[in-house]
């Protein structure tokens, strides 16, 4: 098996990463982060015991997961040196059944073999353990060229069940209006029209539209919660 580390050798050191689970209307990514953070807080009610965060970055979600122990691994060290150990997400340096909870947020689209990532999570979990994984259905190209795919809720269901998991819930992170607002912001980003007040107006307007006419046939992102049966 060719691993991600072999395909994507340590591409840089001390990568900047998300530092907290807070966002405001002036945030360029508010319309996805608001819903992502809410879904992760919902998923955190299932978390327990010893937790491993695959692709942990700066561990921005540590504060919302009330667990006994919170460890993280990543392919490179983060800007705040939060990764406890460095390893490939397709070949994680931990023994079988070491954890009660495994999470992986906004990493799976950068993994060359997402099925292997899910199987690694299954291997690492004890019986009855919880796997929480998130990834985009829509997002612009990012961290190129290490940006490989997008996922529907059915794609997540397939990957998780094939790995042996029982799917508990797959949460959309916003609906079609939030997605439209995010597309507009991505479109104007980098142009002379990009101003803090304009971003805030778009975020407020499309948040309101999303609440009034919610429809998740189109969404930016999903958070999936699964159990090792």
C-alpha atoms as a PDB file:
ATOM      1  CA  UNK A   1       0.000   0.000   0.000  1.00  0.00           C
ATOM      2  CA  UNK A   2       1.300   3.463  -0.901  1.00  0.00           C
ATOM      3  CA  UNK A   3       0.696   5.849   1.988  1.00  0.00           C
ATOM      4  CA  UNK A   4      -0.160   9.542   1.990  1.00  0.00           C
ATOM      5  CA  UNK A   5       3.228  10.257   3.526  1.00  0.00           C
ATOM      6  CA  UNK A   6       4.926   8.706   0.502  1.00  0.00           C
ATOM      7  CA  UNK A   7       2.694  10.528  -1.986  1.00  0.00           C
ATOM      8  CA  UNK A   8       2.649  13.818  -0.066  1.00  0.00           C
ATOM      9  CA  UNK A   9       5.988  13.962   1.816  1.00  0.00           C
ATOM     10  CA  UNK A  10       6.122  16.352   4.769  1.00  0.00           C
ATOM     11  CA  UNK A  11       5.189  19.349   2.700  1.00  0.00           C
ATOM     12  CA  UNK A  12       5.996  22.087   5.195  1.00  0.00           C
ATOM     13  CA  UNK A  13       6.615  22.645   8.866  1.00  0.00           C
ATOM     14  CA  UNK A  14       4.537  24.396  11.546  1.00  0.00           C
ATOM     15  CA  UNK A  15       1.398  24.750   9.434  1.00  0.00           C
ATOM     16  CA  UNK A  16      -1.089  27.427  10.498  1.00  0.00           C
ATOM     17  CA  UNK A  17      -4.387  25.867  11.517  1.00  0.00           C
ATOM     18  CA  UNK A  18      -7.712  26.797  13.061  1.00  0.00           C
ATOM     19  CA  UNK A  19      -7.183  27.728  16.702  1.00  0.00           C
ATOM     20  CA  UNK A  20     -10.693  27.838  18.193  1.00  0.00           C
ATOM     21  CA  UNK A  21     -14.330  26.937  17.550  1.00  0.00           C
ATOM     22  CA  UNK A  22     -15.542  30.550  17.480  1.00  0.00           C
ATOM     23  CA  UNK A  23     -16.634  32.625  14.483  1.00  0.00           C
ATOM     24  CA  UNK A  24     -18.222  36.029  13.766  1.00  0.00           C
ATOM     25  CA  UNK A  25     -20.216  37.652  10.955  1.00  0.00           C
ATOM     26  CA  UNK A  26     -17.052  39.259   9.550  1.00  0.00           C
ATOM     27  CA  UNK A  27     -15.461  35.829   9.078  1.00  0.00           C
ATOM     28  CA  UNK A  28     -15.119  34.831   5.425  1.00  0.00           C
ATOM     29  CA  UNK A  29     -16.082  31.265   6.359  1.00  0.00           C
ATOM     30  CA  UNK A  30     -18.865  32.083   8.844  1.00  0.00           C
ATOM     31  CA  UNK A  31     -21.624  30.371   6.839  1.00  0.00           C
ATOM     32  CA  UNK A  32     -19.914  27.000   7.051  1.00  0.00           C
ATOM     33  CA  UNK A  33     -18.072  27.313  10.370  1.00  0.00           C
ATOM     34  CA  UNK A  34     -21.210  28.256  12.329  1.00  0.00           C
ATOM     35  CA  UNK A  35     -22.945  25.037  11.282  1.00  0.00           C
ATOM     36  CA  UNK A  36     -19.802  22.892  11.499  1.00  0.00           C
ATOM     37  CA  UNK A  37     -19.160  23.986  15.086  1.00  0.00           C
ATOM     38  CA  UNK A  38     -22.808  23.352  16.036  1.00  0.00           C
ATOM     39  CA  UNK A  39     -22.727  19.850  14.513  1.00  0.00           C
ATOM     40  CA  UNK A  40     -19.463  19.029  16.282  1.00  0.00           C
ATOM     41  CA  UNK A  41     -20.985  20.129  19.592  1.00  0.00           C
ATOM     42  CA  UNK A  42     -23.875  17.741  18.907  1.00  0.00           C
ATOM     43  CA  UNK A  43     -21.450  14.947  18.045  1.00  0.00           C
ATOM     44  CA  UNK A  44     -19.461  15.629  21.226  1.00  0.00           C
ATOM     45  CA  UNK A  45     -22.364  14.261  23.295  1.00  0.00           C
ATOM     46  CA  UNK A  46     -21.394  10.805  21.977  1.00  0.00           C
ATOM     47  CA  UNK A  47     -17.679  11.166  22.761  1.00  0.00           C
ATOM     48  CA  UNK A  48     -16.141   9.369  25.725  1.00  0.00           C
ATOM     49  CA  UNK A  49     -12.964   8.027  27.294  1.00  0.00           C
ATOM     50  CA  UNK A  50      -9.701   8.222  25.388  1.00  0.00           C
ATOM     51  CA  UNK A  51      -9.948  10.282  22.182  1.00  0.00           C
ATOM     52  CA  UNK A  52      -7.679  10.472  19.142  1.00  0.00           C
ATOM     53  CA  UNK A  53      -7.946  13.426  16.763  1.00  0.00           C
ATOM     54  CA  UNK A  54      -6.658  12.395  13.315  1.00  0.00           C
ATOM     55  CA  UNK A  55      -5.290  15.468  11.542  1.00  0.00           C
ATOM     56  CA  UNK A  56      -5.540  17.405  14.791  1.00  0.00           C
ATOM     57  CA  UNK A  57      -3.795  20.623  13.726  1.00  0.00           C
ATOM     58  CA  UNK A  58      -3.962  22.965  16.720  1.00  0.00           C
ATOM     59  CA  UNK A  59      -6.744  20.902  18.398  1.00  0.00           C
ATOM     60  CA  UNK A  60      -9.371  23.660  18.077  1.00  0.00           C
ATOM     61  CA  UNK A  61     -12.168  21.340  19.247  1.00  0.00           C
ATOM     62  CA  UNK A  62     -10.520  20.112  22.427  1.00  0.00           C
ATOM     63  CA  UNK A  63     -12.686  22.447  24.521  1.00  0.00           C
ATOM     64  CA  UNK A  64     -15.971  20.930  23.303  1.00  0.00           C
ATOM     65  CA  UNK A  65     -15.054  17.254  23.737  1.00  0.00           C
ATOM     66  CA  UNK A  66     -15.372  16.380  27.415  1.00  0.00           C
ATOM     67  CA  UNK A  67     -13.263  13.232  27.442  1.00  0.00           C
ATOM     68  CA  UNK A  68     -10.743  11.559  29.737  1.00  0.00           C
ATOM     69  CA  UNK A  69      -7.770  12.040  27.404  1.00  0.00           C
ATOM     70  CA  UNK A  70      -7.396  13.995  24.151  1.00  0.00           C
ATOM     71  CA  UNK A  71      -4.505  13.006  21.882  1.00  0.00           C
ATOM     72  CA  UNK A  72      -3.811  14.166  18.354  1.00  0.00           C
ATOM     73  CA  UNK A  73      -1.800  13.039  15.357  1.00  0.00           C
ATOM     74  CA  UNK A  74      -1.009  14.805  12.106  1.00  0.00           C
ATOM     75  CA  UNK A  75       1.168  14.414   9.052  1.00  0.00           C
ATOM     76  CA  UNK A  76       3.107  17.573  10.015  1.00  0.00           C
ATOM     77  CA  UNK A  77       3.445  19.569  13.214  1.00  0.00           C
ATOM     78  CA  UNK A  78       1.021  22.483  13.605  1.00  0.00           C
ATOM     79  CA  UNK A  79       1.878  26.129  14.222  1.00  0.00           C
ATOM     80  CA  UNK A  80       1.274  25.670  17.963  1.00  0.00           C
ATOM     81  CA  UNK A  81       2.990  22.260  18.146  1.00  0.00           C
ATOM     82  CA  UNK A  82      -0.183  20.514  19.348  1.00  0.00           C
ATOM     83  CA  UNK A  83       0.268  17.164  17.559  1.00  0.00           C
ATOM     84  CA  UNK A  84       1.260  14.481  20.056  1.00  0.00           C
ATOM     85  CA  UNK A  85       2.793  12.332  17.335  1.00  0.00           C
ATOM     86  CA  UNK A  86       3.402  12.614  13.609  1.00  0.00           C
ATOM     87  CA  UNK A  87       2.216   9.838  11.318  1.00  0.00           C
ATOM     88  CA  UNK A  88       0.327   9.081   8.142  1.00  0.00           C
ATOM     89  CA  UNK A  89      -3.467   8.986   8.483  1.00  0.00           C
ATOM     90  CA  UNK A  90      -3.467   5.753   6.456  1.00  0.00           C
ATOM     91  CA  UNK A  91      -1.032   4.048   8.825  1.00  0.00           C
ATOM     92  CA  UNK A  92      -1.561   5.447  12.293  1.00  0.00           C
ATOM     93  CA  UNK A  93       1.108   4.721  14.871  1.00  0.00           C
ATOM     94  CA  UNK A  94      -1.129   3.248  17.579  1.00  0.00           C
ATOM     95  CA  UNK A  95      -2.109  -0.290  18.548  1.00  0.00           C
ATOM     96  CA  UNK A  96      -5.522  -1.841  17.924  1.00  0.00           C
ATOM     97  CA  UNK A  97      -8.421  -0.852  20.181  1.00  0.00           C
ATOM     98  CA  UNK A  98      -6.534   1.980  21.891  1.00  0.00           C
ATOM     99  CA  UNK A  99      -9.333   4.575  21.944  1.00  0.00           C
ATOM    100  CA  UNK A 100     -12.990   5.061  22.817  1.00  0.00           C
ATOM    101  CA  UNK A 101     -13.475   7.968  20.416  1.00  0.00           C
ATOM    102  CA  UNK A 102     -11.792   8.901  17.150  1.00  0.00           C
ATOM    103  CA  UNK A 103     -12.467  12.200  15.400  1.00  0.00           C
ATOM    104  CA  UNK A 104     -11.230  13.562  12.086  1.00  0.00           C
ATOM    105  CA  UNK A 105     -12.416  16.998  11.003  1.00  0.00           C
ATOM    106  CA  UNK A 106     -11.928  18.450   7.518  1.00  0.00           C
ATOM    107  CA  UNK A 107      -9.151  15.983   6.729  1.00  0.00           C
ATOM    108  CA  UNK A 108     -10.769  13.251   4.668  1.00  0.00           C
ATOM    109  CA  UNK A 109     -10.858  15.302   1.439  1.00  0.00           C
ATOM    110  CA  UNK A 110      -7.050  15.507   1.616  1.00  0.00           C
ATOM    111  CA  UNK A 111      -6.571  11.761   2.058  1.00  0.00           C
ATOM    112  CA  UNK A 112      -5.721   9.706  -1.014  1.00  0.00           C
ATOM    113  CA  UNK A 113      -7.610   6.628   0.261  1.00  0.00           C
ATOM    114  CA  UNK A 114     -10.563   7.674   2.466  1.00  0.00           C
ATOM    115  CA  UNK A 115     -11.725   4.068   2.891  1.00  0.00           C
ATOM    116  CA  UNK A 116      -8.409   3.213   4.549  1.00  0.00           C
ATOM    117  CA  UNK A 117      -8.782   6.190   6.895  1.00  0.00           C
ATOM    118  CA  UNK A 118     -12.187   4.859   8.003  1.00  0.00           C
ATOM    119  CA  UNK A 119     -10.751   1.367   8.433  1.00  0.00           C
ATOM    120  CA  UNK A 120      -7.901   2.755  10.537  1.00  0.00           C
ATOM    121  CA  UNK A 121     -10.427   4.496  12.790  1.00  0.00           C
ATOM    122  CA  UNK A 122     -12.326   1.208  13.132  1.00  0.00           C
ATOM    123  CA  UNK A 123      -9.108  -0.634  14.024  1.00  0.00           C
ATOM    124  CA  UNK A 124      -8.165   1.896  16.695  1.00  0.00           C
ATOM    125  CA  UNK A 125     -11.555   1.938  18.413  1.00  0.00           C
ATOM    126  CA  UNK A 126     -12.618  -0.313  21.241  1.00  0.00           C
ATOM    127  CA  UNK A 127     -15.948  -2.125  20.969  1.00  0.00           C
ATOM    128  CA  UNK A 128     -18.773   0.406  21.046  1.00  0.00           C
ATOM    129  CA  UNK A 129     -16.359   3.222  20.242  1.00  0.00           C
ATOM    130  CA  UNK A 130     -17.451   6.351  18.373  1.00  0.00           C
ATOM    131  CA  UNK A 131     -16.032   7.729  15.119  1.00  0.00           C
ATOM    132  CA  UNK A 132     -16.823  11.344  14.228  1.00  0.00           C
ATOM    133  CA  UNK A 133     -15.721  12.478  10.780  1.00  0.00           C
ATOM    134  CA  UNK A 134     -16.431  15.660   8.839  1.00  0.00           C
ATOM    135  CA  UNK A 135     -15.787  16.725   5.276  1.00  0.00           C
ATOM    136  CA  UNK A 136     -17.080  19.020   2.534  1.00  0.00           C
ATOM    137  CA  UNK A 137     -19.706  18.484  -0.122  1.00  0.00           C
ATOM    138  CA  UNK A 138     -18.853  21.913  -1.535  1.00  0.00           C
ATOM    139  CA  UNK A 139     -15.644  23.844  -1.047  1.00  0.00           C
ATOM    140  CA  UNK A 140     -13.199  25.711  -3.218  1.00  0.00           C
ATOM    141  CA  UNK A 141      -9.825  24.162  -4.018  1.00  0.00           C
ATOM    142  CA  UNK A 142      -7.541  24.406  -1.001  1.00  0.00           C
ATOM    143  CA  UNK A 143      -4.171  23.057   0.151  1.00  0.00           C
ATOM    144  CA  UNK A 144      -3.465  22.230  -3.483  1.00  0.00           C
ATOM    145  CA  UNK A 145      -2.454  19.811  -4.848  1.00  0.00           C
ATOM    146  CA  UNK A 146      -3.517  17.768  -1.798  1.00  0.00           C
ATOM    147  CA  UNK A 147      -7.241  18.270  -2.379  1.00  0.00           C
ATOM    148  CA  UNK A 148      -8.757  15.091  -3.818  1.00  0.00           C
ATOM    149  CA  UNK A 149     -12.550  14.800  -3.418  1.00  0.00           C
ATOM    150  CA  UNK A 150     -15.916  15.938  -2.017  1.00  0.00           C
ATOM    151  CA  UNK A 151     -18.571  13.838  -0.252  1.00  0.00           C
ATOM    152  CA  UNK A 152     -22.347  13.450  -0.223  1.00  0.00           C
ATOM    153  CA  UNK A 153     -24.130  12.031   2.813  1.00  0.00           C
ATOM    154  CA  UNK A 154     -24.552   8.782   0.864  1.00  0.00           C
ATOM    155  CA  UNK A 155     -20.821   8.675   0.230  1.00  0.00           C
ATOM    156  CA  UNK A 156     -20.141   8.959   3.957  1.00  0.00           C
ATOM    157  CA  UNK A 157     -22.733   6.269   4.693  1.00  0.00           C
ATOM    158  CA  UNK A 158     -21.077   3.911   2.215  1.00  0.00           C
ATOM    159  CA  UNK A 159     -17.523   4.488   3.500  1.00  0.00           C
ATOM    160  CA  UNK A 160     -18.497   4.044   7.134  1.00  0.00           C
ATOM    161  CA  UNK A 161     -20.648   0.952   6.669  1.00  0.00           C
ATOM    162  CA  UNK A 162     -18.036  -0.677   4.453  1.00  0.00           C
ATOM    163  CA  UNK A 163     -15.485  -0.160   7.242  1.00  0.00           C
ATOM    164  CA  UNK A 164     -17.826  -1.949   9.657  1.00  0.00           C
ATOM    165  CA  UNK A 165     -19.456   1.003  11.408  1.00  0.00           C
ATOM    166  CA  UNK A 166     -23.092   1.480  12.356  1.00  0.00           C
ATOM    167  CA  UNK A 167     -24.026   5.010  11.247  1.00  0.00           C
ATOM    168  CA  UNK A 168     -25.817   6.958  13.972  1.00  0.00           C
ATOM    169  CA  UNK A 169     -26.374  10.261  12.208  1.00  0.00           C
ATOM    170  CA  UNK A 170     -25.056  12.386   9.352  1.00  0.00           C
ATOM    171  CA  UNK A 171     -25.546  16.092  10.023  1.00  0.00           C
ATOM    172  CA  UNK A 172     -25.643  18.668   7.196  1.00  0.00           C
ATOM    173  CA  UNK A 173     -23.789  21.861   8.012  1.00  0.00           C
ATOM    174  CA  UNK A 174     -26.263  24.431   6.734  1.00  0.00           C
ATOM    175  CA  UNK A 175     -28.630  24.342   3.778  1.00  0.00           C
ATOM    176  CA  UNK A 176     -28.758  25.681   0.245  1.00  0.00           C
ATOM    177  CA  UNK A 177     -29.073  29.354   1.230  1.00  0.00           C
ATOM    178  CA  UNK A 178     -26.020  29.203   3.477  1.00  0.00           C
ATOM    179  CA  UNK A 179     -24.185  27.445   0.648  1.00  0.00           C
ATOM    180  CA  UNK A 180     -25.200  30.146  -1.840  1.00  0.00           C
ATOM    181  CA  UNK A 181     -23.971  32.873   0.497  1.00  0.00           C
ATOM    182  CA  UNK A 182     -20.658  31.062   0.922  1.00  0.00           C
ATOM    183  CA  UNK A 183     -20.266  30.735  -2.860  1.00  0.00           C
ATOM    184  CA  UNK A 184     -20.864  34.475  -3.252  1.00  0.00           C
ATOM    185  CA  UNK A 185     -18.206  35.238  -0.640  1.00  0.00           C
ATOM    186  CA  UNK A 186     -15.751  32.864  -2.319  1.00  0.00           C
ATOM    187  CA  UNK A 187     -16.514  34.586  -5.638  1.00  0.00           C
ATOM    188  CA  UNK A 188     -15.771  38.119  -4.410  1.00  0.00           C
ATOM    189  CA  UNK A 189     -12.849  37.089  -2.208  1.00  0.00           C
ATOM    190  CA  UNK A 190      -9.639  38.607  -3.499  1.00  0.00           C
ATOM    191  CA  UNK A 191     -11.411  41.349  -5.479  1.00  0.00           C
ATOM    192  CA  UNK A 192     -11.713  45.044  -4.667  1.00  0.00           C
ATOM    193  CA  UNK A 193     -15.265  44.355  -3.433  1.00  0.00           C
ATOM    194  CA  UNK A 194     -13.983  42.363  -0.489  1.00  0.00           C
ATOM    195  CA  UNK A 195     -14.767  44.530   2.540  1.00  0.00           C
ATOM    196  CA  UNK A 196     -15.516  43.514   6.119  1.00  0.00           C
ATOM    197  CA  UNK A 197     -18.939  45.190   6.147  1.00  0.00           C
ATOM    198  CA  UNK A 198     -19.968  43.518   2.877  1.00  0.00           C
ATOM    199  CA  UNK A 199     -18.943  40.080   4.183  1.00  0.00           C
ATOM    200  CA  UNK A 200     -20.969  40.707   7.358  1.00  0.00           C
ATOM    201  CA  UNK A 201     -24.061  41.750   5.351  1.00  0.00           C
ATOM    202  CA  UNK A 202     -23.875  38.640   3.154  1.00  0.00           C
ATOM    203  CA  UNK A 203     -23.402  36.386   6.185  1.00  0.00           C
ATOM    204  CA  UNK A 204     -26.364  37.901   8.056  1.00  0.00           C
ATOM    205  CA  UNK A 205     -28.663  37.848   5.009  1.00  0.00           C
ATOM    206  CA  UNK A 206     -27.957  34.265   3.963  1.00  0.00           C
ATOM    207  CA  UNK A 207     -28.029  33.000   7.539  1.00  0.00           C
ATOM    208  CA  UNK A 208     -31.545  34.487   7.823  1.00  0.00           C
ATOM    209  CA  UNK A 209     -32.615  32.970   4.485  1.00  0.00           C
ATOM    210  CA  UNK A 210     -31.226  29.593   5.537  1.00  0.00           C
ATOM    211  CA  UNK A 211     -33.169  29.650   8.800  1.00  0.00           C
ATOM    212  CA  UNK A 212     -36.384  30.757   7.063  1.00  0.00           C
ATOM    213  CA  UNK A 213     -36.282  28.303   4.140  1.00  0.00           C
ATOM    214  CA  UNK A 214     -33.934  25.543   5.255  1.00  0.00           C
ATOM    215  CA  UNK A 215     -33.259  22.876   2.633  1.00  0.00           C
ATOM    216  CA  UNK A 216     -30.199  20.632   2.884  1.00  0.00           C
ATOM    217  CA  UNK A 217     -30.419  19.248  -0.655  1.00  0.00           C
ATOM    218  CA  UNK A 218     -27.319  21.403  -1.046  1.00  0.00           C
ATOM    219  CA  UNK A 219     -24.945  21.892   1.875  1.00  0.00           C
ATOM    220  CA  UNK A 220     -21.338  22.918   2.332  1.00  0.00           C
ATOM    221  CA  UNK A 221     -20.307  20.157   4.699  1.00  0.00           C
ATOM    222  CA  UNK A 222     -21.288  17.072   6.727  1.00  0.00           C
ATOM    223  CA  UNK A 223     -20.471  15.710  10.159  1.00  0.00           C
ATOM    224  CA  UNK A 224     -21.006  11.949  10.408  1.00  0.00           C
ATOM    225  CA  UNK A 225     -21.300  10.039  13.691  1.00  0.00           C
ATOM    226  CA  UNK A 226     -20.791   6.269  13.701  1.00  0.00           C
ATOM    227  CA  UNK A 227     -20.334   3.463  16.217  1.00  0.00           C
ATOM    228  CA  UNK A 228     -18.120   0.388  16.130  1.00  0.00           C
ATOM    229  CA  UNK A 229     -20.731  -2.321  16.490  1.00  0.00           C
END
